[in-house]
Amino acid sequence: MFDVGISEMALIAVIALIVLGPERLPKAARMAGALVRRARSAVSSLHQELEREIAADELKKHLRDAERGMNETMDTVRGIDPVADIKQALSDPPEAESGPKP
């Protein structure tokens, strides 16, 4: 995020000490710390929520793909009539082998 080094932090501390004074500086530092904690917590919870949403979307996609494959398989199975296939195999004469017999 932001690149804040020790020299920048020291400069901010000196300016805060001059502007706020030694009496109000500790209270302001605690308030700033609390605000930073809340901001980090909010960003963290947002990140976790986005990860859960992405995982849920991926799971839904996998489930749709599996359902589509299962429906295709069921359509194929429904198209097969084993009784008709057996009757046709029994009624058709076996094909004679071509070529000279030994």
PDB file of N, CA and C in Angstrom:
ATOM      1  N   MET A   1       0.828  -1.173   0.000  1.00  0.00           N
ATOM      2  CA  MET A   1       0.000   0.000   0.000  1.00  0.00           C
ATOM      3  C   MET A   1       0.875   1.240   0.000  1.00  0.00           C
ATOM      4  N   PHE A   2       0.933   1.902   1.143  1.00  0.00           N
ATOM      5  CA  PHE A   2       1.741   3.107   1.255  1.00  0.00           C
ATOM      6  C   PHE A   2       3.094   2.735   1.805  1.00  0.00           C
ATOM      7  N   ASP A   3       4.093   3.369   1.284  1.00  0.00           N
ATOM      8  CA  ASP A   3       5.449   3.117   1.756  1.00  0.00           C
ATOM      9  C   ASP A   3       5.839   4.240   2.709  1.00  0.00           C
ATOM     10  N   VAL A   4       5.706   3.965   4.005  1.00  0.00           N
ATOM     11  CA  VAL A   4       6.021   4.957   5.022  1.00  0.00           C
ATOM     12  C   VAL A   4       7.211   4.442   5.815  1.00  0.00           C
ATOM     13  N   GLY A   5       8.308   5.168   5.731  1.00  0.00           N
ATOM     14  CA  GLY A   5       9.519   4.760   6.442  1.00  0.00           C
ATOM     15  C   GLY A   5       9.591   5.387   7.818  1.00  0.00           C
ATOM     16  N   ILE A   6      10.696   5.130   8.491  1.00  0.00           N
ATOM     17  CA  ILE A   6      10.879   5.648   9.850  1.00  0.00           C
ATOM     18  C   ILE A   6      10.997   7.167   9.840  1.00  0.00           C
ATOM     19  N   SER A   7      11.663   7.709   8.854  1.00  0.00           N
ATOM     20  CA  SER A   7      11.824   9.165   8.822  1.00  0.00           C
ATOM     21  C   SER A   7      10.474   9.861   8.633  1.00  0.00           C
ATOM     22  N   GLU A   8       9.608   9.304   7.795  1.00  0.00           N
ATOM     23  CA  GLU A   8       8.289   9.905   7.614  1.00  0.00           C
ATOM     24  C   GLU A   8       7.454   9.791   8.891  1.00  0.00           C
ATOM     25  N   MET A   9       7.553   8.642   9.566  1.00  0.00           N
ATOM     26  CA  MET A   9       6.801   8.470  10.813  1.00  0.00           C
ATOM     27  C   MET A   9       7.290   9.451  11.875  1.00  0.00           C
ATOM     28  N   ALA A  10       8.593   9.662  11.960  1.00  0.00           N
ATOM     29  CA  ALA A  10       9.142  10.610  12.927  1.00  0.00           C
ATOM     30  C   ALA A  10       8.664  12.027  12.625  1.00  0.00           C
ATOM     31  N   LEU A  11       8.643  12.399  11.356  1.00  0.00           N
ATOM     32  CA  LEU A  11       8.174  13.724  10.975  1.00  0.00           C
ATOM     33  C   LEU A  11       6.703  13.902  11.345  1.00  0.00           C
ATOM     34  N   ILE A  12       5.886  12.896  11.095  1.00  0.00           N
ATOM     35  CA  ILE A  12       4.463  12.957  11.455  1.00  0.00           C
ATOM     36  C   ILE A  12       4.302  13.076  12.968  1.00  0.00           C
ATOM     37  N   ALA A  13       5.096  12.324  13.741  1.00  0.00           N
ATOM     38  CA  ALA A  13       5.027  12.377  15.203  1.00  0.00           C
ATOM     39  C   ALA A  13       5.402  13.763  15.718  1.00  0.00           C
ATOM     40  N   VAL A  14       6.441  14.374  15.162  1.00  0.00           N
ATOM     41  CA  VAL A  14       6.863  15.711  15.601  1.00  0.00           C
ATOM     42  C   VAL A  14       5.776  16.736  15.274  1.00  0.00           C
ATOM     43  N   ILE A  15       5.202  16.660  14.074  1.00  0.00           N
ATOM     44  CA  ILE A  15       4.149  17.608  13.700  1.00  0.00           C
ATOM     45  C   ILE A  15       2.929  17.411  14.598  1.00  0.00           C
ATOM     46  N   ALA A  16       2.563  16.146  14.877  1.00  0.00           N
ATOM     47  CA  ALA A  16       1.425  15.869  15.758  1.00  0.00           C
ATOM     48  C   ALA A  16       1.691  16.400  17.157  1.00  0.00           C
ATOM     49  N   LEU A  17       2.902  16.259  17.655  1.00  0.00           N
ATOM     50  CA  LEU A  17       3.245  16.763  18.984  1.00  0.00           C
ATOM     51  C   LEU A  17       3.126  18.274  19.025  1.00  0.00           C
ATOM     52  N   ILE A  18       3.567  18.940  17.969  1.00  0.00           N
ATOM     53  CA  ILE A  18       3.489  20.398  17.932  1.00  0.00           C
ATOM     54  C   ILE A  18       2.035  20.862  17.831  1.00  0.00           C
ATOM     55  N   VAL A  19       1.251  20.213  16.952  1.00  0.00           N
ATOM     56  CA  VAL A  19      -0.125  20.656  16.725  1.00  0.00           C
ATOM     57  C   VAL A  19      -1.026  20.297  17.906  1.00  0.00           C
ATOM     58  N   LEU A  20      -0.974  19.074  18.384  1.00  0.00           N
ATOM     59  CA  LEU A  20      -1.884  18.610  19.432  1.00  0.00           C
ATOM     60  C   LEU A  20      -1.391  18.910  20.843  1.00  0.00           C
ATOM     61  N   GLY A  21      -0.124  18.905  21.007  1.00  0.00           N
ATOM     62  CA  GLY A  21       0.412  19.108  22.345  1.00  0.00           C
ATOM     63  C   GLY A  21       0.552  17.789  23.067  1.00  0.00           C
ATOM     64  N   PRO A  22       1.344  17.780  24.136  1.00  0.00           N
ATOM     65  CA  PRO A  22       1.602  16.529  24.856  1.00  0.00           C
ATOM     66  C   PRO A  22       0.387  15.990  25.611  1.00  0.00           C
ATOM     67  N   GLU A  23      -0.618  16.825  25.895  1.00  0.00           N
ATOM     68  CA  GLU A  23      -1.778  16.341  26.652  1.00  0.00           C
ATOM     69  C   GLU A  23      -2.736  15.533  25.764  1.00  0.00           C
ATOM     70  N   ARG A  24      -2.952  15.987  24.540  1.00  0.00           N
ATOM     71  CA  ARG A  24      -3.926  15.332  23.659  1.00  0.00           C
ATOM     72  C   ARG A  24      -3.298  14.288  22.725  1.00  0.00           C
ATOM     73  N   LEU A  25      -1.990  14.255  22.636  1.00  0.00           N
ATOM     74  CA  LEU A  25      -1.324  13.335  21.699  1.00  0.00           C
ATOM     75  C   LEU A  25      -1.592  11.855  22.008  1.00  0.00           C
ATOM     76  N   PRO A  26      -1.503  11.387  23.261  1.00  0.00           N
ATOM     77  CA  PRO A  26      -1.771   9.961  23.518  1.00  0.00           C
ATOM     78  C   PRO A  26      -3.197   9.552  23.145  1.00  0.00           C
ATOM     79  N   LYS A  27      -4.177  10.420  23.455  1.00  0.00           N
ATOM     80  CA  LYS A  27      -5.550  10.103  23.109  1.00  0.00           C
ATOM     81  C   LYS A  27      -5.726  10.050  21.588  1.00  0.00           C
ATOM     82  N   ALA A  28      -5.108  10.947  20.864  1.00  0.00           N
ATOM     83  CA  ALA A  28      -5.195  10.964  19.401  1.00  0.00           C
ATOM     84  C   ALA A  28      -4.513   9.730  18.809  1.00  0.00           C
ATOM     85  N   ALA A  29      -3.390   9.316  19.409  1.00  0.00           N
ATOM     86  CA  ALA A  29      -2.684   8.126  18.928  1.00  0.00           C
ATOM     87  C   ALA A  29      -3.536   6.872  19.127  1.00  0.00           C
ATOM     88  N   ARG A  30      -4.217   6.776  20.284  1.00  0.00           N
ATOM     89  CA  ARG A  30      -5.105   5.638  20.522  1.00  0.00           C
ATOM     90  C   ARG A  30      -6.260   5.633  19.525  1.00  0.00           C
ATOM     91  N   MET A  31      -6.828   6.811  19.249  1.00  0.00           N
ATOM     92  CA  MET A  31      -7.931   6.905  18.306  1.00  0.00           C
ATOM     93  C   MET A  31      -7.459   6.529  16.891  1.00  0.00           C
ATOM     94  N   ALA A  32      -6.274   6.984  16.518  1.00  0.00           N
ATOM     95  CA  ALA A  32      -5.739   6.642  15.199  1.00  0.00           C
ATOM     96  C   ALA A  32      -5.489   5.136  15.103  1.00  0.00           C
ATOM     97  N   GLY A  33      -4.974   4.542  16.169  1.00  0.00           N
ATOM     98  CA  GLY A  33      -4.749   3.097  16.186  1.00  0.00           C
ATOM     99  C   GLY A  33      -6.051   2.321  16.054  1.00  0.00           C
ATOM    100  N   ALA A  34      -7.088   2.789  16.748  1.00  0.00           N
ATOM    101  CA  ALA A  34      -8.392   2.120  16.670  1.00  0.00           C
ATOM    102  C   ALA A  34      -8.958   2.231  15.254  1.00  0.00           C
ATOM    103  N   LEU A  35      -8.812   3.386  14.633  1.00  0.00           N
ATOM    104  CA  LEU A  35      -9.308   3.561  13.270  1.00  0.00           C
ATOM    105  C   LEU A  35      -8.568   2.652  12.291  1.00  0.00           C
ATOM    106  N   VAL A  36      -7.252   2.527  12.472  1.00  0.00           N
ATOM    107  CA  VAL A  36      -6.464   1.652  11.598  1.00  0.00           C
ATOM    108  C   VAL A  36      -6.884   0.197  11.798  1.00  0.00           C
ATOM    109  N   ARG A  37      -7.116  -0.208  13.051  1.00  0.00           N
ATOM    110  CA  ARG A  37      -7.578  -1.581  13.320  1.00  0.00           C
ATOM    111  C   ARG A  37      -8.927  -1.844  12.655  1.00  0.00           C
ATOM    112  N   ARG A  38      -9.857  -0.906  12.777  1.00  0.00           N
ATOM    113  CA  ARG A  38     -11.168  -1.078  12.156  1.00  0.00           C
ATOM    114  C   ARG A  38     -11.056  -1.161  10.635  1.00  0.00           C
ATOM    115  N   ALA A  39     -10.198  -0.319  10.064  1.00  0.00           N
ATOM    116  CA  ALA A  39     -10.032  -0.338   8.608  1.00  0.00           C
ATOM    117  C   ALA A  39      -9.443  -1.676   8.157  1.00  0.00           C
ATOM    118  N   ARG A  40      -8.436  -2.161   8.879  1.00  0.00           N
ATOM    119  CA  ARG A  40      -7.843  -3.452   8.528  1.00  0.00           C
ATOM    120  C   ARG A  40      -8.848  -4.582   8.681  1.00  0.00           C
ATOM    121  N   SER A  41      -9.650  -4.514   9.735  1.00  0.00           N
ATOM    122  CA  SER A  41     -10.667  -5.544   9.953  1.00  0.00           C
ATOM    123  C   SER A  41     -11.699  -5.525   8.827  1.00  0.00           C
ATOM    124  N   ALA A  42     -12.112  -4.340   8.413  1.00  0.00           N
ATOM    125  CA  ALA A  42     -13.097  -4.238   7.334  1.00  0.00           C
ATOM    126  C   ALA A  42     -12.526  -4.770   6.027  1.00  0.00           C
ATOM    127  N   VAL A  43     -11.291  -4.440   5.729  1.00  0.00           N
ATOM    128  CA  VAL A  43     -10.663  -4.937   4.507  1.00  0.00           C
ATOM    129  C   VAL A  43     -10.522  -6.451   4.569  1.00  0.00           C
ATOM    130  N   SER A  44     -10.140  -6.965   5.719  1.00  0.00           N
ATOM    131  CA  SER A  44      -9.992  -8.412   5.883  1.00  0.00           C
ATOM    132  C   SER A  44     -11.330  -9.135   5.702  1.00  0.00           C
ATOM    133  N   SER A  45     -12.391  -8.611   6.310  1.00  0.00           N
ATOM    134  CA  SER A  45     -13.695  -9.267   6.171  1.00  0.00           C
ATOM    135  C   SER A  45     -14.203  -9.174   4.732  1.00  0.00           C
ATOM    136  N   LEU A  46     -13.945  -8.061   4.059  1.00  0.00           N
ATOM    137  CA  LEU A  46     -14.328  -7.929   2.658  1.00  0.00           C
ATOM    138  C   LEU A  46     -13.578  -8.945   1.799  1.00  0.00           C
ATOM    139  N   HIS A  47     -12.292  -9.106   2.080  1.00  0.00           N
ATOM    140  CA  HIS A  47     -11.475 -10.078   1.344  1.00  0.00           C
ATOM    141  C   HIS A  47     -12.006 -11.495   1.547  1.00  0.00           C
ATOM    142  N   GLN A  48     -12.319 -11.847   2.783  1.00  0.00           N
ATOM    143  CA  GLN A  48     -12.854 -13.180   3.075  1.00  0.00           C
ATOM    144  C   GLN A  48     -14.199 -13.398   2.405  1.00  0.00           C
ATOM    145  N   GLU A  49     -15.048 -12.380   2.410  1.00  0.00           N
ATOM    146  CA  GLU A  49     -16.362 -12.499   1.775  1.00  0.00           C
ATOM    147  C   GLU A  49     -16.223 -12.699   0.275  1.00  0.00           C
ATOM    148  N   LEU A  50     -15.307 -11.970  -0.348  1.00  0.00           N
ATOM    149  CA  LEU A  50     -15.076 -12.138  -1.783  1.00  0.00           C
ATOM    150  C   LEU A  50     -14.560 -13.535  -2.095  1.00  0.00           C
ATOM    151  N   GLU A  51     -13.670 -14.055  -1.268  1.00  0.00           N
ATOM    152  CA  GLU A  51     -13.157 -15.413  -1.481  1.00  0.00           C
ATOM    153  C   GLU A  51     -14.286 -16.442  -1.359  1.00  0.00           C
ATOM    154  N   ARG A  52     -15.189 -16.250  -0.384  1.00  0.00           N
ATOM    155  CA  ARG A  52     -16.326 -17.168  -0.237  1.00  0.00           C
ATOM    156  C   ARG A  52     -17.242 -17.098  -1.454  1.00  0.00           C
ATOM    157  N   GLU A  53     -17.474 -15.891  -1.960  1.00  0.00           N
ATOM    158  CA  GLU A  53     -18.326 -15.724  -3.146  1.00  0.00           C
ATOM    159  C   GLU A  53     -17.711 -16.427  -4.357  1.00  0.00           C
ATOM    160  N   ILE A  54     -16.405 -16.249  -4.532  1.00  0.00           N
ATOM    161  CA  ILE A  54     -15.722 -16.882  -5.662  1.00  0.00           C
ATOM    162  C   ILE A  54     -15.791 -18.402  -5.539  1.00  0.00           C
ATOM    163  N   ALA A  55     -15.557 -18.916  -4.338  1.00  0.00           N
ATOM    164  CA  ALA A  55     -15.625 -20.368  -4.126  1.00  0.00           C
ATOM    165  C   ALA A  55     -17.038 -20.887  -4.379  1.00  0.00           C
ATOM    166  N   ALA A  56     -18.042 -20.129  -3.956  1.00  0.00           N
ATOM    167  CA  ALA A  56     -19.429 -20.555  -4.180  1.00  0.00           C
ATOM    168  C   ALA A  56     -19.752 -20.552  -5.675  1.00  0.00           C
ATOM    169  N   ASP A  57     -19.281 -19.540  -6.391  1.00  0.00           N
ATOM    170  CA  ASP A  57     -19.523 -19.488  -7.841  1.00  0.00           C
ATOM    171  C   ASP A  57     -18.856 -20.660  -8.550  1.00  0.00           C
ATOM    172  N   GLU A  58     -17.627 -20.985  -8.143  1.00  0.00           N
ATOM    173  CA  GLU A  58     -16.931 -22.122  -8.753  1.00  0.00           C
ATOM    174  C   GLU A  58     -17.661 -23.426  -8.457  1.00  0.00           C
ATOM    175  N   LEU A  59     -18.144 -23.574  -7.240  1.00  0.00           N
ATOM    176  CA  LEU A  59     -18.885 -24.782  -6.874  1.00  0.00           C
ATOM    177  C   LEU A  59     -20.166 -24.900  -7.686  1.00  0.00           C
ATOM    178  N   LYS A  60     -20.876 -23.778  -7.847  1.00  0.00           N
ATOM    179  CA  LYS A  60     -22.098 -23.800  -8.653  1.00  0.00           C
ATOM    180  C   LYS A  60     -21.795 -24.183 -10.095  1.00  0.00           C
ATOM    181  N   LYS A  61     -20.683 -23.688 -10.629  1.00  0.00           N
ATOM    182  CA  LYS A  61     -20.301 -24.010 -12.005  1.00  0.00           C
ATOM    183  C   LYS A  61     -20.009 -25.508 -12.138  1.00  0.00           C
ATOM    184  N   HIS A  62     -19.280 -26.065 -11.175  1.00  0.00           N
ATOM    185  CA  HIS A  62     -18.977 -27.499 -11.209  1.00  0.00           C
ATOM    186  C   HIS A  62     -20.264 -28.329 -11.106  1.00  0.00           C
ATOM    187  N   LEU A  63     -21.187 -27.894 -10.262  1.00  0.00           N
ATOM    188  CA  LEU A  63     -22.451 -28.617 -10.126  1.00  0.00           C
ATOM    189  C   LEU A  63     -23.261 -28.562 -11.422  1.00  0.00           C
ATOM    190  N   ARG A  64     -23.293 -27.395 -12.079  1.00  0.00           N
ATOM    191  CA  ARG A  64     -24.004 -27.294 -13.359  1.00  0.00           C
ATOM    192  C   ARG A  64     -23.366 -28.194 -14.408  1.00  0.00           C
ATOM    193  N   ASP A  65     -22.023 -28.230 -14.454  1.00  0.00           N
ATOM    194  CA  ASP A  65     -21.340 -29.096 -15.414  1.00  0.00           C
ATOM    195  C   ASP A  65     -21.649 -30.565 -15.144  1.00  0.00           C
ATOM    196  N   ALA A  66     -21.638 -30.954 -13.871  1.00  0.00           N
ATOM    197  CA  ALA A  66     -21.937 -32.342 -13.514  1.00  0.00           C
ATOM    198  C   ALA A  66     -23.382 -32.684 -13.863  1.00  0.00           C
ATOM    199  N   GLU A  67     -24.305 -31.759 -13.614  1.00  0.00           N
ATOM    200  CA  GLU A  67     -25.713 -32.009 -13.941  1.00  0.00           C
ATOM    201  C   GLU A  67     -25.895 -32.129 -15.454  1.00  0.00           C
ATOM    202  N   ARG A  68     -25.204 -31.289 -16.210  1.00  0.00           N
ATOM    203  CA  ARG A  68     -25.294 -31.354 -17.668  1.00  0.00           C
ATOM    204  C   ARG A  68     -24.775 -32.709 -18.171  1.00  0.00           C
ATOM    205  N   GLY A  69     -23.647 -33.162 -17.636  1.00  0.00           N
ATOM    206  CA  GLY A  69     -23.105 -34.463 -18.028  1.00  0.00           C
ATOM    207  C   GLY A  69     -24.026 -35.604 -17.659  1.00  0.00           C
ATOM    208  N   MET A  70     -24.635 -35.517 -16.484  1.00  0.00           N
ATOM    209  CA  MET A  70     -25.553 -36.562 -16.048  1.00  0.00           C
ATOM    210  C   MET A  70     -26.793 -36.587 -16.949  1.00  0.00           C
ATOM    211  N   ASN A  71     -27.293 -35.415 -17.327  1.00  0.00           N
ATOM    212  CA  ASN A  71     -28.459 -35.363 -18.218  1.00  0.00           C
ATOM    213  C   ASN A  71     -28.122 -35.946 -19.591  1.00  0.00           C
ATOM    214  N   GLU A  72     -26.928 -35.664 -20.096  1.00  0.00           N
ATOM    215  CA  GLU A  72     -26.525 -36.234 -21.382  1.00  0.00           C
ATOM    216  C   GLU A  72     -26.447 -37.756 -21.299  1.00  0.00           C
ATOM    217  N   THR A  73     -25.905 -38.267 -20.202  1.00  0.00           N
ATOM    218  CA  THR A  73     -25.811 -39.709 -20.012  1.00  0.00           C
ATOM    219  C   THR A  73     -27.199 -40.329 -19.914  1.00  0.00           C
ATOM    220  N   MET A  74     -28.099 -39.685 -19.182  1.00  0.00           N
ATOM    221  CA  MET A  74     -29.463 -40.202 -19.048  1.00  0.00           C
ATOM    222  C   MET A  74     -30.179 -40.190 -20.402  1.00  0.00           C
ATOM    223  N   ASP A  75     -29.962 -39.156 -21.208  1.00  0.00           N
ATOM    224  CA  ASP A  75     -30.571 -39.119 -22.542  1.00  0.00           C
ATOM    225  C   ASP A  75     -30.059 -40.264 -23.399  1.00  0.00           C
ATOM    226  N   THR A  76     -28.770 -40.558 -23.280  1.00  0.00           N
ATOM    227  CA  THR A  76     -28.193 -41.668 -24.043  1.00  0.00           C
ATOM    228  C   THR A  76     -28.782 -42.992 -23.578  1.00  0.00           C
ATOM    229  N   VAL A  77     -28.900 -43.180 -22.274  1.00  0.00           N
ATOM    230  CA  VAL A  77     -29.442 -44.420 -21.725  1.00  0.00           C
ATOM    231  C   VAL A  77     -30.912 -44.572 -22.115  1.00  0.00           C
ATOM    232  N   ARG A  78     -31.663 -43.485 -22.117  1.00  0.00           N
ATOM    233  CA  ARG A  78     -33.081 -43.560 -22.486  1.00  0.00           C
ATOM    234  C   ARG A  78     -33.249 -43.937 -23.954  1.00  0.00           C
ATOM    235  N   GLY A  79     -32.283 -43.578 -24.796  1.00  0.00           N
ATOM    236  CA  GLY A  79     -32.363 -43.882 -26.218  1.00  0.00           C
ATOM    237  C   GLY A  79     -32.063 -45.328 -26.542  1.00  0.00           C
ATOM    238  N   ILE A  80     -31.554 -46.083 -25.593  1.00  0.00           N
ATOM    239  CA  ILE A  80     -31.207 -47.484 -25.831  1.00  0.00           C
ATOM    240  C   ILE A  80     -32.401 -48.355 -25.452  1.00  0.00           C
ATOM    241  N   ASP A  81     -32.792 -49.233 -26.386  1.00  0.00           N
ATOM    242  CA  ASP A  81     -33.873 -50.192 -26.130  1.00  0.00           C
ATOM    243  C   ASP A  81     -33.257 -51.587 -26.187  1.00  0.00           C
ATOM    244  N   PRO A  82     -32.908 -52.162 -25.054  1.00  0.00           N
ATOM    245  CA  PRO A  82     -32.199 -53.440 -25.070  1.00  0.00           C
ATOM    246  C   PRO A  82     -33.032 -54.573 -25.669  1.00  0.00           C
ATOM    247  N   VAL A  83     -34.332 -54.574 -25.461  1.00  0.00           N
ATOM    248  CA  VAL A  83     -35.176 -55.648 -26.002  1.00  0.00           C
ATOM    249  C   VAL A  83     -35.167 -55.596 -27.523  1.00  0.00           C
ATOM    250  N   ALA A  84     -35.323 -54.406 -28.087  1.00  0.00           N
ATOM    251  CA  ALA A  84     -35.317 -54.264 -29.544  1.00  0.00           C
ATOM    252  C   ALA A  84     -33.945 -54.646 -30.104  1.00  0.00           C
ATOM    253  N   ASP A  85     -32.893 -54.290 -29.412  1.00  0.00           N
ATOM    254  CA  ASP A  85     -31.545 -54.645 -29.875  1.00  0.00           C
ATOM    255  C   ASP A  85     -31.354 -56.162 -29.891  1.00  0.00           C
ATOM    256  N   ILE A  86     -31.856 -56.850 -28.866  1.00  0.00           N
ATOM    257  CA  ILE A  86     -31.727 -58.310 -28.799  1.00  0.00           C
ATOM    258  C   ILE A  86     -32.562 -58.966 -29.903  1.00  0.00           C
ATOM    259  N   LYS A  87     -33.810 -58.481 -30.114  1.00  0.00           N
ATOM    260  CA  LYS A  87     -34.657 -59.034 -31.167  1.00  0.00           C
ATOM    261  C   LYS A  87     -34.010 -58.863 -32.533  1.00  0.00           C
ATOM    262  N   GLN A  88     -33.436 -57.694 -32.758  1.00  0.00           N
ATOM    263  CA  GLN A  88     -32.796 -57.448 -34.051  1.00  0.00           C
ATOM    264  C   GLN A  88     -31.590 -58.351 -34.229  1.00  0.00           C
ATOM    265  N   ALA A  89     -30.821 -58.557 -33.186  1.00  0.00           N
ATOM    266  CA  ALA A  89     -29.648 -59.417 -33.278  1.00  0.00           C
ATOM    267  C   ALA A  89     -30.051 -60.860 -33.540  1.00  0.00           C
ATOM    268  N   LEU A  90     -31.167 -61.318 -32.968  1.00  0.00           N
ATOM    269  CA  LEU A  90     -31.628 -62.693 -33.170  1.00  0.00           C
ATOM    270  C   LEU A  90     -32.266 -62.890 -34.541  1.00  0.00           C
ATOM    271  N   SER A  91     -32.923 -61.860 -35.066  1.00  0.00           N
ATOM    272  CA  SER A  91     -33.592 -62.009 -36.350  1.00  0.00           C
ATOM    273  C   SER A  91     -32.648 -61.842 -37.537  1.00  0.00           C
ATOM    274  N   ASP A  92     -31.588 -61.094 -37.391  1.00  0.00           N
ATOM    275  CA  ASP A  92     -30.626 -60.926 -38.481  1.00  0.00           C
ATOM    276  C   ASP A  92     -29.757 -62.173 -38.575  1.00  0.00           C
ATOM    277  N   PRO A  93     -29.617 -62.732 -39.790  1.00  0.00           N
ATOM    278  CA  PRO A  93     -28.732 -63.899 -39.925  1.00  0.00           C
ATOM    279  C   PRO A  93     -27.286 -63.454 -39.734  1.00  0.00           C
ATOM    280  N   PRO A  94     -26.489 -64.338 -39.190  1.00  0.00           N
ATOM    281  CA  PRO A  94     -25.075 -63.979 -39.040  1.00  0.00           C
ATOM    282  C   PRO A  94     -24.440 -63.803 -40.403  1.00  0.00           C
ATOM    283  N   GLU A  95     -23.580 -62.856 -40.487  1.00  0.00           N
ATOM    284  CA  GLU A  95     -22.918 -62.592 -41.759  1.00  0.00           C
ATOM    285  C   GLU A  95     -21.933 -63.708 -42.058  1.00  0.00           C
ATOM    286  N   ALA A  96     -21.979 -64.167 -43.336  1.00  0.00           N
ATOM    287  CA  ALA A  96     -21.077 -65.243 -43.736  1.00  0.00           C
ATOM    288  C   ALA A  96     -19.682 -64.666 -43.934  1.00  0.00           C
ATOM    289  N   GLU A  97     -18.735 -65.460 -43.534  1.00  0.00           N
ATOM    290  CA  GLU A  97     -17.366 -65.003 -43.706  1.00  0.00           C
ATOM    291  C   GLU A  97     -17.029 -65.039 -45.172  1.00  0.00           C
ATOM    292  N   SER A  98     -16.404 -64.030 -45.662  1.00  0.00           N
ATOM    293  CA  SER A  98     -16.043 -63.996 -47.076  1.00  0.00           C
ATOM    294  C   SER A  98     -14.662 -64.600 -47.265  1.00  0.00           C
ATOM    295  N   GLY A  99     -14.446 -65.136 -48.407  1.00  0.00           N
ATOM    296  CA  GLY A  99     -13.138 -65.712 -48.714  1.00  0.00           C
ATOM    297  C   GLY A  99     -13.217 -67.211 -48.775  1.00  0.00           C
ATOM    298  N   PRO A 100     -12.180 -67.806 -49.272  1.00  0.00           N
ATOM    299  CA  PRO A 100     -12.157 -69.267 -49.410  1.00  0.00           C
ATOM    300  C   PRO A 100     -12.048 -69.949 -48.049  1.00  0.00           C
ATOM    301  N   LYS A 101     -12.728 -71.122 -47.992  1.00  0.00           N
ATOM    302  CA  LYS A 101     -12.676 -71.896 -46.758  1.00  0.00           C
ATOM    303  C   LYS A 101     -11.552 -72.906 -46.878  1.00  0.00           C
ATOM    304  N   PRO A 102     -10.837 -73.161 -45.893  1.00  0.00           N
ATOM    305  CA  PRO A 102      -9.713 -74.122 -45.971  1.00  0.00           C
ATOM    306  C   PRO A 102     -10.118 -75.551 -46.002  1.00  0.00           C
TER     307      PRO A 102
END
